[in-house]
Amino acid sequence: MMISELGSSLGYDLIQSKFEDRPLCGGFTSDLLSDVMGKAKTDSVLITIQAHKNTVAVSSLAGICAIVVCSNRPIPDDMLSAATDEAIAVFRTPHNQFEVSGIVWNALKG
């Protein structure tokens, strides 16, 4: 599954589109950023409700290439600016983390 397919196939709203489209190697769901830093895999998608620039900083450190912000949380401009600088795709969805995790997991294994 390519990063862009989070929007085109799964229907999540693409909020930050300046990224290199490449395959996702997995996903990680957490709202605890220290957990993300220690356990997320490179080239994965982060599924979270944490919508702030620190989420982007942690994602960059962990090698995460996309973030899905759940529950239609507002995404501040400084988060989008940081994501643009780091070339990390940002998506938003009304679904909660549990729902998105299941949907992404099924898409990745298919």
PDB file of N, CA and C in Angstrom:
ATOM      1  N   MET A   1       0.836  -1.173   0.000  1.00  0.00           N
ATOM      2  CA  MET A   1       0.000   0.000   0.000  1.00  0.00           C
ATOM      3  C   MET A   1       0.888   1.247   0.000  1.00  0.00           C
ATOM      4  N   MET A   2       0.591   2.163  -0.877  1.00  0.00           N
ATOM      5  CA  MET A   2       1.325   3.421  -0.972  1.00  0.00           C
ATOM      6  C   MET A   2       0.724   4.447  -0.006  1.00  0.00           C
ATOM      7  N   ILE A   3       1.531   5.423   0.380  1.00  0.00           N
ATOM      8  CA  ILE A   3       1.050   6.480   1.275  1.00  0.00           C
ATOM      9  C   ILE A   3      -0.199   7.139   0.702  1.00  0.00           C
ATOM     10  N   SER A   4      -0.181   7.464  -0.567  1.00  0.00           N
ATOM     11  CA  SER A   4      -1.310   8.166  -1.197  1.00  0.00           C
ATOM     12  C   SER A   4      -2.611   7.387  -1.114  1.00  0.00           C
ATOM     13  N   GLU A   5      -2.522   6.071  -0.997  1.00  0.00           N
ATOM     14  CA  GLU A   5      -3.727   5.250  -0.928  1.00  0.00           C
ATOM     15  C   GLU A   5      -4.498   5.438   0.374  1.00  0.00           C
ATOM     16  N   LEU A   6      -3.869   6.028   1.387  1.00  0.00           N
ATOM     17  CA  LEU A   6      -4.615   6.366   2.600  1.00  0.00           C
ATOM     18  C   LEU A   6      -5.748   7.319   2.247  1.00  0.00           C
ATOM     19  N   GLY A   7      -5.507   8.167   1.263  1.00  0.00           N
ATOM     20  CA  GLY A   7      -6.550   9.078   0.799  1.00  0.00           C
ATOM     21  C   GLY A   7      -7.376   8.484  -0.318  1.00  0.00           C
ATOM     22  N   SER A   8      -6.705   8.016  -1.368  1.00  0.00           N
ATOM     23  CA  SER A   8      -7.427   7.578  -2.561  1.00  0.00           C
ATOM     24  C   SER A   8      -8.225   6.292  -2.356  1.00  0.00           C
ATOM     25  N   SER A   9      -7.716   5.351  -1.593  1.00  0.00           N
ATOM     26  CA  SER A   9      -8.420   4.077  -1.391  1.00  0.00           C
ATOM     27  C   SER A   9      -9.224   4.031  -0.094  1.00  0.00           C
ATOM     28  N   LEU A  10      -8.676   4.626   0.963  1.00  0.00           N
ATOM     29  CA  LEU A  10      -9.341   4.536   2.264  1.00  0.00           C
ATOM     30  C   LEU A  10     -10.212   5.746   2.558  1.00  0.00           C
ATOM     31  N   GLY A  11     -10.063   6.802   1.792  1.00  0.00           N
ATOM     32  CA  GLY A  11     -10.950   7.953   1.906  1.00  0.00           C
ATOM     33  C   GLY A  11     -10.593   8.968   2.978  1.00  0.00           C
ATOM     34  N   TYR A  12      -9.385   8.915   3.507  1.00  0.00           N
ATOM     35  CA  TYR A  12      -8.979   9.909   4.503  1.00  0.00           C
ATOM     36  C   TYR A  12      -8.626  11.209   3.784  1.00  0.00           C
ATOM     37  N   ASP A  13      -8.911  12.321   4.426  1.00  0.00           N
ATOM     38  CA  ASP A  13      -8.651  13.631   3.818  1.00  0.00           C
ATOM     39  C   ASP A  13      -7.162  13.948   3.877  1.00  0.00           C
ATOM     40  N   LEU A  14      -6.577  14.213   2.728  1.00  0.00           N
ATOM     41  CA  LEU A  14      -5.170  14.588   2.650  1.00  0.00           C
ATOM     42  C   LEU A  14      -5.043  16.064   3.004  1.00  0.00           C
ATOM     43  N   ILE A  15      -4.346  16.351   4.080  1.00  0.00           N
ATOM     44  CA  ILE A  15      -4.208  17.721   4.579  1.00  0.00           C
ATOM     45  C   ILE A  15      -2.837  18.297   4.213  1.00  0.00           C
ATOM     46  N   GLN A  16      -1.803  17.480   4.225  1.00  0.00           N
ATOM     47  CA  GLN A  16      -0.443  17.919   3.871  1.00  0.00           C
ATOM     48  C   GLN A  16       0.061  16.998   2.780  1.00  0.00           C
ATOM     49  N   SER A  17       0.223  17.549   1.572  1.00  0.00           N
ATOM     50  CA  SER A  17       0.465  16.715   0.391  1.00  0.00           C
ATOM     51  C   SER A  17       1.886  16.763  -0.166  1.00  0.00           C
ATOM     52  N   LYS A  18       2.795  17.411   0.523  1.00  0.00           N
ATOM     53  CA  LYS A  18       4.170  17.479   0.012  1.00  0.00           C
ATOM     54  C   LYS A  18       4.997  16.375   0.651  1.00  0.00           C
ATOM     55  N   PHE A  19       4.967  15.200  -0.006  1.00  0.00           N
ATOM     56  CA  PHE A  19       5.683  14.022   0.489  1.00  0.00           C
ATOM     57  C   PHE A  19       6.041  13.142  -0.692  1.00  0.00           C
ATOM     58  N   GLU A  20       7.000  12.272  -0.479  1.00  0.00           N
ATOM     59  CA  GLU A  20       7.368  11.294  -1.494  1.00  0.00           C
ATOM     60  C   GLU A  20       6.453  10.085  -1.327  1.00  0.00           C
ATOM     61  N   ASP A  21       5.674   9.788  -2.344  1.00  0.00           N
ATOM     62  CA  ASP A  21       4.767   8.648  -2.261  1.00  0.00           C
ATOM     63  C   ASP A  21       5.580   7.357  -2.347  1.00  0.00           C
ATOM     64  N   ARG A  22       5.499   6.561  -1.308  1.00  0.00           N
ATOM     65  CA  ARG A  22       6.242   5.299  -1.264  1.00  0.00           C
ATOM     66  C   ARG A  22       5.436   4.281  -0.471  1.00  0.00           C
ATOM     67  N   PRO A  23       5.842   3.023  -0.492  1.00  0.00           N
ATOM     68  CA  PRO A  23       5.078   1.997   0.210  1.00  0.00           C
ATOM     69  C   PRO A  23       5.132   2.177   1.731  1.00  0.00           C
ATOM     70  N   LEU A  24       4.006   1.911   2.361  1.00  0.00           N
ATOM     71  CA  LEU A  24       3.947   1.843   3.824  1.00  0.00           C
ATOM     72  C   LEU A  24       4.377   0.453   4.248  1.00  0.00           C
ATOM     73  N   CYS A  25       5.220   0.381   5.256  1.00  0.00           N
ATOM     74  CA  CYS A  25       5.716  -0.912   5.736  1.00  0.00           C
ATOM     75  C   CYS A  25       4.992  -1.371   6.995  1.00  0.00           C
ATOM     76  N   GLY A  26       4.052  -0.580   7.478  1.00  0.00           N
ATOM     77  CA  GLY A  26       3.307  -0.944   8.676  1.00  0.00           C
ATOM     78  C   GLY A  26       2.603   0.266   9.237  1.00  0.00           C
ATOM     79  N   GLY A  27       2.041   0.074  10.411  1.00  0.00           N
ATOM     80  CA  GLY A  27       1.340   1.145  11.083  1.00  0.00           C
ATOM     81  C   GLY A  27       1.578   1.065  12.578  1.00  0.00           C
ATOM     82  N   PHE A  28       1.314   2.169  13.259  1.00  0.00           N
ATOM     83  CA  PHE A  28       1.468   2.209  14.702  1.00  0.00           C
ATOM     84  C   PHE A  28       0.400   3.136  15.260  1.00  0.00           C
ATOM     85  N   THR A  29      -0.329   2.658  16.251  1.00  0.00           N
ATOM     86  CA  THR A  29      -1.392   3.443  16.867  1.00  0.00           C
ATOM     87  C   THR A  29      -1.018   3.768  18.295  1.00  0.00           C
ATOM     88  N   SER A  30      -0.933   5.063  18.586  1.00  0.00           N
ATOM     89  CA  SER A  30      -0.647   5.490  19.950  1.00  0.00           C
ATOM     90  C   SER A  30      -0.876   6.987  20.067  1.00  0.00           C
ATOM     91  N   ASP A  31      -1.240   7.412  21.266  1.00  0.00           N
ATOM     92  CA  ASP A  31      -1.330   8.831  21.574  1.00  0.00           C
ATOM     93  C   ASP A  31      -0.227   9.235  22.546  1.00  0.00           C
ATOM     94  N   LEU A  32       0.609   8.288  22.910  1.00  0.00           N
ATOM     95  CA  LEU A  32       1.728   8.535  23.809  1.00  0.00           C
ATOM     96  C   LEU A  32       2.993   8.645  22.958  1.00  0.00           C
ATOM     97  N   LEU A  33       3.490   9.855  22.784  1.00  0.00           N
ATOM     98  CA  LEU A  33       4.578  10.077  21.837  1.00  0.00           C
ATOM     99  C   LEU A  33       5.865   9.367  22.214  1.00  0.00           C
ATOM    100  N   SER A  34       6.126   9.179  23.501  1.00  0.00           N
ATOM    101  CA  SER A  34       7.324   8.428  23.890  1.00  0.00           C
ATOM    102  C   SER A  34       7.210   6.970  23.450  1.00  0.00           C
ATOM    103  N   ASP A  35       6.006   6.443  23.434  1.00  0.00           N
ATOM    104  CA  ASP A  35       5.756   5.088  22.950  1.00  0.00           C
ATOM    105  C   ASP A  35       6.056   5.007  21.452  1.00  0.00           C
ATOM    106  N   VAL A  36       5.643   6.022  20.730  1.00  0.00           N
ATOM    107  CA  VAL A  36       5.896   6.086  19.285  1.00  0.00           C
ATOM    108  C   VAL A  36       7.397   6.104  19.024  1.00  0.00           C
ATOM    109  N   MET A  37       8.125   6.939  19.767  1.00  0.00           N
ATOM    110  CA  MET A  37       9.586   7.030  19.568  1.00  0.00           C
ATOM    111  C   MET A  37      10.274   5.695  19.793  1.00  0.00           C
ATOM    112  N   GLY A  38       9.810   4.937  20.760  1.00  0.00           N
ATOM    113  CA  GLY A  38      10.487   3.700  21.112  1.00  0.00           C
ATOM    114  C   GLY A  38      10.059   2.475  20.337  1.00  0.00           C
ATOM    115  N   LYS A  39       8.873   2.508  19.734  1.00  0.00           N
ATOM    116  CA  LYS A  39       8.343   1.267  19.158  1.00  0.00           C
ATOM    117  C   LYS A  39       7.890   1.332  17.705  1.00  0.00           C
ATOM    118  N   ALA A  40       7.644   2.509  17.163  1.00  0.00           N
ATOM    119  CA  ALA A  40       7.163   2.595  15.785  1.00  0.00           C
ATOM    120  C   ALA A  40       8.268   2.220  14.805  1.00  0.00           C
ATOM    121  N   LYS A  41       7.883   1.610  13.714  1.00  0.00           N
ATOM    122  CA  LYS A  41       8.832   1.178  12.693  1.00  0.00           C
ATOM    123  C   LYS A  41       8.956   2.239  11.594  1.00  0.00           C
ATOM    124  N   THR A  42      10.123   2.291  10.996  1.00  0.00           N
ATOM    125  CA  THR A  42      10.382   3.193   9.877  1.00  0.00           C
ATOM    126  C   THR A  42       9.410   2.907   8.738  1.00  0.00           C
ATOM    127  N   ASP A  43       9.025   3.957   8.037  1.00  0.00           N
ATOM    128  CA  ASP A  43       8.115   3.887   6.883  1.00  0.00           C
ATOM    129  C   ASP A  43       6.734   3.369   7.256  1.00  0.00           C
ATOM    130  N   SER A  44       6.299   3.699   8.452  1.00  0.00           N
ATOM    131  CA  SER A  44       4.954   3.317   8.876  1.00  0.00           C
ATOM    132  C   SER A  44       4.063   4.550   8.946  1.00  0.00           C
ATOM    133  N   VAL A  45       2.781   4.308   9.170  1.00  0.00           N
ATOM    134  CA  VAL A  45       1.809   5.374   9.362  1.00  0.00           C
ATOM    135  C   VAL A  45       1.466   5.433  10.850  1.00  0.00           C
ATOM    136  N   LEU A  46       1.446   6.633  11.393  1.00  0.00           N
ATOM    137  CA  LEU A  46       1.052   6.839  12.783  1.00  0.00           C
ATOM    138  C   LEU A  46      -0.431   7.182  12.820  1.00  0.00           C
ATOM    139  N   ILE A  47      -1.178   6.447  13.622  1.00  0.00           N
ATOM    140  CA  ILE A  47      -2.613   6.667  13.801  1.00  0.00           C
ATOM    141  C   ILE A  47      -2.801   7.225  15.207  1.00  0.00           C
ATOM    142  N   THR A  48      -3.345   8.453  15.300  1.00  0.00           N
ATOM    143  CA  THR A  48      -3.352   9.159  16.583  1.00  0.00           C
ATOM    144  C   THR A  48      -4.426  10.243  16.624  1.00  0.00           C
ATOM    145  N   ILE A  49      -4.668  10.773  17.818  1.00  0.00           N
ATOM    146  CA  ILE A  49      -5.473  11.990  17.948  1.00  0.00           C
ATOM    147  C   ILE A  49      -4.588  13.183  18.317  1.00  0.00           C
ATOM    148  N   GLN A  50      -3.299  12.954  18.458  1.00  0.00           N
ATOM    149  CA  GLN A  50      -2.356  14.017  18.825  1.00  0.00           C
ATOM    150  C   GLN A  50      -2.074  14.889  17.602  1.00  0.00           C
ATOM    151  N   ALA A  51      -2.696  16.051  17.559  1.00  0.00           N
ATOM    152  CA  ALA A  51      -2.557  16.950  16.414  1.00  0.00           C
ATOM    153  C   ALA A  51      -1.791  18.201  16.846  1.00  0.00           C
ATOM    154  N   HIS A  52      -0.477  18.080  16.869  1.00  0.00           N
ATOM    155  CA  HIS A  52       0.379  19.231  17.168  1.00  0.00           C
ATOM    156  C   HIS A  52       1.767  18.970  16.590  1.00  0.00           C
ATOM    157  N   LYS A  53       2.602  20.003  16.585  1.00  0.00           N
ATOM    158  CA  LYS A  53       3.897  19.882  15.902  1.00  0.00           C
ATOM    159  C   LYS A  53       4.818  18.867  16.559  1.00  0.00           C
ATOM    160  N   ASN A  54       4.646  18.575  17.838  1.00  0.00           N
ATOM    161  CA  ASN A  54       5.482  17.553  18.479  1.00  0.00           C
ATOM    162  C   ASN A  54       5.218  16.168  17.886  1.00  0.00           C
ATOM    163  N   THR A  55       4.015  15.948  17.420  1.00  0.00           N
ATOM    164  CA  THR A  55       3.699  14.680  16.751  1.00  0.00           C
ATOM    165  C   THR A  55       4.562  14.523  15.501  1.00  0.00           C
ATOM    166  N   VAL A  56       4.749  15.595  14.779  1.00  0.00           N
ATOM    167  CA  VAL A  56       5.589  15.570  13.580  1.00  0.00           C
ATOM    168  C   VAL A  56       7.051  15.352  13.962  1.00  0.00           C
ATOM    169  N   ALA A  57       7.515  16.034  15.000  1.00  0.00           N
ATOM    170  CA  ALA A  57       8.912  15.879  15.432  1.00  0.00           C
ATOM    171  C   ALA A  57       9.203  14.430  15.818  1.00  0.00           C
ATOM    172  N   VAL A  58       8.314  13.826  16.580  1.00  0.00           N
ATOM    173  CA  VAL A  58       8.487  12.425  16.986  1.00  0.00           C
ATOM    174  C   VAL A  58       8.405  11.512  15.771  1.00  0.00           C
ATOM    175  N   SER A  59       7.485  11.785  14.878  1.00  0.00           N
ATOM    176  CA  SER A  59       7.359  10.976  13.664  1.00  0.00           C
ATOM    177  C   SER A  59       8.633  11.028  12.839  1.00  0.00           C
ATOM    178  N   SER A  60       9.200  12.197  12.723  1.00  0.00           N
ATOM    179  CA  SER A  60      10.448  12.347  11.981  1.00  0.00           C
ATOM    180  C   SER A  60      11.570  11.535  12.622  1.00  0.00           C
ATOM    181  N   LEU A  61      11.685  11.618  13.935  1.00  0.00           N
ATOM    182  CA  LEU A  61      12.714  10.843  14.647  1.00  0.00           C
ATOM    183  C   LEU A  61      12.529   9.344  14.459  1.00  0.00           C
ATOM    184  N   ALA A  62      11.271   8.901  14.414  1.00  0.00           N
ATOM    185  CA  ALA A  62      10.968   7.471  14.299  1.00  0.00           C
ATOM    186  C   ALA A  62      10.974   6.982  12.845  1.00  0.00           C
ATOM    187  N   GLY A  63      11.090   7.885  11.887  1.00  0.00           N
ATOM    188  CA  GLY A  63      11.070   7.486  10.482  1.00  0.00           C
ATOM    189  C   GLY A  63       9.682   7.230   9.941  1.00  0.00           C
ATOM    190  N   ILE A  64       8.672   7.744  10.614  1.00  0.00           N
ATOM    191  CA  ILE A  64       7.277   7.602  10.168  1.00  0.00           C
ATOM    192  C   ILE A  64       7.064   8.508   8.963  1.00  0.00           C
ATOM    193  N   CYS A  65       6.362   8.003   7.955  1.00  0.00           N
ATOM    194  CA  CYS A  65       6.198   8.772   6.728  1.00  0.00           C
ATOM    195  C   CYS A  65       4.799   9.356   6.546  1.00  0.00           C
ATOM    196  N   ALA A  66       3.850   8.978   7.414  1.00  0.00           N
ATOM    197  CA  ALA A  66       2.489   9.504   7.303  1.00  0.00           C
ATOM    198  C   ALA A  66       1.827   9.493   8.678  1.00  0.00           C
ATOM    199  N   ILE A  67       0.935  10.450   8.865  1.00  0.00           N
ATOM    200  CA  ILE A  67       0.171  10.558  10.105  1.00  0.00           C
ATOM    201  C   ILE A  67      -1.299  10.634   9.736  1.00  0.00           C
ATOM    202  N   VAL A  68      -2.123   9.831  10.413  1.00  0.00           N
ATOM    203  CA  VAL A  68      -3.568   9.949  10.280  1.00  0.00           C
ATOM    204  C   VAL A  68      -4.091  10.484  11.610  1.00  0.00           C
ATOM    205  N   VAL A  69      -4.658  11.680  11.561  1.00  0.00           N
ATOM    206  CA  VAL A  69      -5.253  12.295  12.746  1.00  0.00           C
ATOM    207  C   VAL A  69      -6.721  11.895  12.768  1.00  0.00           C
ATOM    208  N   CYS A  70      -7.126  11.259  13.859  1.00  0.00           N
ATOM    209  CA  CYS A  70      -8.466  10.689  13.971  1.00  0.00           C
ATOM    210  C   CYS A  70      -9.445  11.639  14.658  1.00  0.00           C
ATOM    211  N   SER A  71     -10.701  11.268  14.595  1.00  0.00           N
ATOM    212  CA  SER A  71     -11.802  11.961  15.269  1.00  0.00           C
ATOM    213  C   SER A  71     -11.956  13.410  14.818  1.00  0.00           C
ATOM    214  N   ASN A  72     -11.589  13.667  13.568  1.00  0.00           N
ATOM    215  CA  ASN A  72     -11.692  15.006  12.978  1.00  0.00           C
ATOM    216  C   ASN A  72     -11.083  16.105  13.839  1.00  0.00           C
ATOM    217  N   ARG A  73     -10.002  15.773  14.534  1.00  0.00           N
ATOM    218  CA  ARG A  73      -9.321  16.781  15.345  1.00  0.00           C
ATOM    219  C   ARG A  73      -8.825  17.909  14.447  1.00  0.00           C
ATOM    220  N   PRO A  74      -8.918  19.140  14.912  1.00  0.00           N
ATOM    221  CA  PRO A  74      -8.340  20.241  14.125  1.00  0.00           C
ATOM    222  C   PRO A  74      -6.827  20.103  14.054  1.00  0.00           C
ATOM    223  N   ILE A  75      -6.282  20.455  12.907  1.00  0.00           N
ATOM    224  CA  ILE A  75      -4.839  20.348  12.699  1.00  0.00           C
ATOM    225  C   ILE A  75      -4.280  21.762  12.586  1.00  0.00           C
ATOM    226  N   PRO A  76      -3.450  22.150  13.560  1.00  0.00           N
ATOM    227  CA  PRO A  76      -2.939  23.525  13.557  1.00  0.00           C
ATOM    228  C   PRO A  76      -1.919  23.778  12.440  1.00  0.00           C
ATOM    229  N   ASP A  77      -1.808  25.041  12.074  1.00  0.00           N
ATOM    230  CA  ASP A  77      -0.891  25.432  11.000  1.00  0.00           C
ATOM    231  C   ASP A  77       0.555  25.075  11.301  1.00  0.00           C
ATOM    232  N   ASP A  78       0.971  25.189  12.576  1.00  0.00           N
ATOM    233  CA  ASP A  78       2.373  24.876  12.872  1.00  0.00           C
ATOM    234  C   ASP A  78       2.667  23.389  12.699  1.00  0.00           C
ATOM    235  N   MET A  79       1.661  22.542  12.905  1.00  0.00           N
ATOM    236  CA  MET A  79       1.842  21.108  12.646  1.00  0.00           C
ATOM    237  C   MET A  79       2.002  20.872  11.141  1.00  0.00           C
ATOM    238  N   LEU A  80       1.168  21.514  10.345  1.00  0.00           N
ATOM    239  CA  LEU A  80       1.248  21.352   8.890  1.00  0.00           C
ATOM    240  C   LEU A  80       2.562  21.897   8.340  1.00  0.00           C
ATOM    241  N   SER A  81       3.013  22.998   8.887  1.00  0.00           N
ATOM    242  CA  SER A  81       4.290  23.565   8.458  1.00  0.00           C
ATOM    243  C   SER A  81       5.439  22.608   8.774  1.00  0.00           C
ATOM    244  N   ALA A  82       5.430  22.039   9.974  1.00  0.00           N
ATOM    245  CA  ALA A  82       6.471  21.079  10.359  1.00  0.00           C
ATOM    246  C   ALA A  82       6.412  19.835   9.477  1.00  0.00           C
ATOM    247  N   ALA A  83       5.201  19.359   9.192  1.00  0.00           N
ATOM    248  CA  ALA A  83       5.040  18.169   8.345  1.00  0.00           C
ATOM    249  C   ALA A  83       5.530  18.442   6.926  1.00  0.00           C
ATOM    250  N   THR A  84       5.274  19.637   6.434  1.00  0.00           N
ATOM    251  CA  THR A  84       5.766  20.011   5.108  1.00  0.00           C
ATOM    252  C   THR A  84       7.288  20.018   5.095  1.00  0.00           C
ATOM    253  N   ASP A  85       7.878  20.613   6.121  1.00  0.00           N
ATOM    254  CA  ASP A  85       9.343  20.665   6.223  1.00  0.00           C
ATOM    255  C   ASP A  85       9.959  19.271   6.281  1.00  0.00           C
ATOM    256  N   GLU A  86       9.281  18.335   6.931  1.00  0.00           N
ATOM    257  CA  GLU A  86       9.790  16.965   7.096  1.00  0.00           C
ATOM    258  C   GLU A  86       9.288  16.014   6.015  1.00  0.00           C
ATOM    259  N   ALA A  87       8.455  16.500   5.083  1.00  0.00           N
ATOM    260  CA  ALA A  87       7.869  15.691   4.004  1.00  0.00           C
ATOM    261  C   ALA A  87       7.102  14.490   4.557  1.00  0.00           C
ATOM    262  N   ILE A  88       6.324  14.740   5.615  1.00  0.00           N
ATOM    263  CA  ILE A  88       5.466  13.709   6.213  1.00  0.00           C
ATOM    264  C   ILE A  88       4.025  14.013   5.811  1.00  0.00           C
ATOM    265  N   ALA A  89       3.374  13.048   5.187  1.00  0.00           N
ATOM    266  CA  ALA A  89       1.981  13.212   4.784  1.00  0.00           C
ATOM    267  C   ALA A  89       1.090  13.275   6.023  1.00  0.00           C
ATOM    268  N   VAL A  90       0.071  14.134   5.970  1.00  0.00           N
ATOM    269  CA  VAL A  90      -0.889  14.230   7.070  1.00  0.00           C
ATOM    270  C   VAL A  90      -2.295  14.059   6.498  1.00  0.00           C
ATOM    271  N   PHE A  91      -3.029  13.142   7.095  1.00  0.00           N
ATOM    272  CA  PHE A  91      -4.408  12.859   6.726  1.00  0.00           C
ATOM    273  C   PHE A  91      -5.301  13.089   7.942  1.00  0.00           C
ATOM    274  N   ARG A  92      -6.590  13.298   7.692  1.00  0.00           N
ATOM    275  CA  ARG A  92      -7.559  13.421   8.783  1.00  0.00           C
ATOM    276  C   ARG A  92      -8.792  12.593   8.434  1.00  0.00           C
ATOM    277  N   THR A  93      -9.423  12.049   9.484  1.00  0.00           N
ATOM    278  CA  THR A  93     -10.611  11.238   9.317  1.00  0.00           C
ATOM    279  C   THR A  93     -11.550  11.428  10.509  1.00  0.00           C
ATOM    280  N   PRO A  94     -12.843  11.243  10.294  1.00  0.00           N
ATOM    281  CA  PRO A  94     -13.774  11.291  11.430  1.00  0.00           C
ATOM    282  C   PRO A  94     -13.741  10.008  12.266  1.00  0.00           C
ATOM    283  N   HIS A  95     -13.143   8.952  11.748  1.00  0.00           N
ATOM    284  CA  HIS A  95     -13.101   7.670  12.459  1.00  0.00           C
ATOM    285  C   HIS A  95     -12.166   7.737  13.661  1.00  0.00           C
ATOM    286  N   ASN A  96     -12.404   6.875  14.650  1.00  0.00           N
ATOM    287  CA  ASN A  96     -11.526   6.837  15.825  1.00  0.00           C
ATOM    288  C   ASN A  96     -10.321   5.933  15.552  1.00  0.00           C
ATOM    289  N   GLN A  97      -9.387   5.920  16.491  1.00  0.00           N
ATOM    290  CA  GLN A  97      -8.136   5.185  16.300  1.00  0.00           C
ATOM    291  C   GLN A  97      -8.365   3.688  16.121  1.00  0.00           C
ATOM    292  N   PHE A  98      -9.316   3.125  16.846  1.00  0.00           N
ATOM    293  CA  PHE A  98      -9.601   1.700  16.742  1.00  0.00           C
ATOM    294  C   PHE A  98     -10.061   1.354  15.332  1.00  0.00           C
ATOM    295  N   GLU A  99     -11.006   2.133  14.820  1.00  0.00           N
ATOM    296  CA  GLU A  99     -11.530   1.880  13.479  1.00  0.00           C
ATOM    297  C   GLU A  99     -10.441   2.030  12.418  1.00  0.00           C
ATOM    298  N   VAL A 100      -9.669   3.090  12.500  1.00  0.00           N
ATOM    299  CA  VAL A 100      -8.619   3.337  11.511  1.00  0.00           C
ATOM    300  C   VAL A 100      -7.557   2.250  11.566  1.00  0.00           C
ATOM    301  N   SER A 101      -7.204   1.821  12.769  1.00  0.00           N
ATOM    302  CA  SER A 101      -6.196   0.754  12.903  1.00  0.00           C
ATOM    303  C   SER A 101      -6.642  -0.510  12.182  1.00  0.00           C
ATOM    304  N   GLY A 102      -7.895  -0.895  12.361  1.00  0.00           N
ATOM    305  CA  GLY A 102      -8.405  -2.094  11.690  1.00  0.00           C
ATOM    306  C   GLY A 102      -8.440  -1.943  10.185  1.00  0.00           C
ATOM    307  N   ILE A 103      -8.871  -0.790   9.723  1.00  0.00           N
ATOM    308  CA  ILE A 103      -8.958  -0.540   8.282  1.00  0.00           C
ATOM    309  C   ILE A 103      -7.562  -0.542   7.651  1.00  0.00           C
ATOM    310  N   VAL A 104      -6.628   0.151   8.277  1.00  0.00           N
ATOM    311  CA  VAL A 104      -5.263   0.211   7.735  1.00  0.00           C
ATOM    312  C   VAL A 104      -4.604  -1.163   7.797  1.00  0.00           C
ATOM    313  N   TRP A 105      -4.793  -1.875   8.883  1.00  0.00           N
ATOM    314  CA  TRP A 105      -4.207  -3.210   9.008  1.00  0.00           C
ATOM    315  C   TRP A 105      -4.699  -4.108   7.879  1.00  0.00           C
ATOM    316  N   ASN A 106      -6.004  -4.104   7.627  1.00  0.00           N
ATOM    317  CA  ASN A 106      -6.556  -4.924   6.539  1.00  0.00           C
ATOM    318  C   ASN A 106      -6.010  -4.506   5.182  1.00  0.00           C
ATOM    319  N   ALA A 107      -5.868  -3.210   4.961  1.00  0.00           N
ATOM    320  CA  ALA A 107      -5.334  -2.721   3.680  1.00  0.00           C
ATOM    321  C   ALA A 107      -3.867  -3.114   3.503  1.00  0.00           C
ATOM    322  N   LEU A 108      -3.105  -3.072   4.571  1.00  0.00           N
ATOM    323  CA  LEU A 108      -1.684  -3.419   4.479  1.00  0.00           C
ATOM    324  C   LEU A 108      -1.456  -4.900   4.233  1.00  0.00           C
ATOM    325  N   LYS A 109      -2.290  -5.734   4.774  1.00  0.00           N
ATOM    326  CA  LYS A 109      -2.075  -7.176   4.590  1.00  0.00           C
ATOM    327  C   LYS A 109      -2.606  -7.679   3.256  1.00  0.00           C
ATOM    328  N   GLY A 110      -3.446  -6.860   2.582  1.00  0.00           N
ATOM    329  CA  GLY A 110      -4.042  -7.264   1.320  1.00  0.00           C
ATOM    330  C   GLY A 110      -3.159  -7.004   0.202  1.00  0.00           C
TER     331      GLY A 110
END
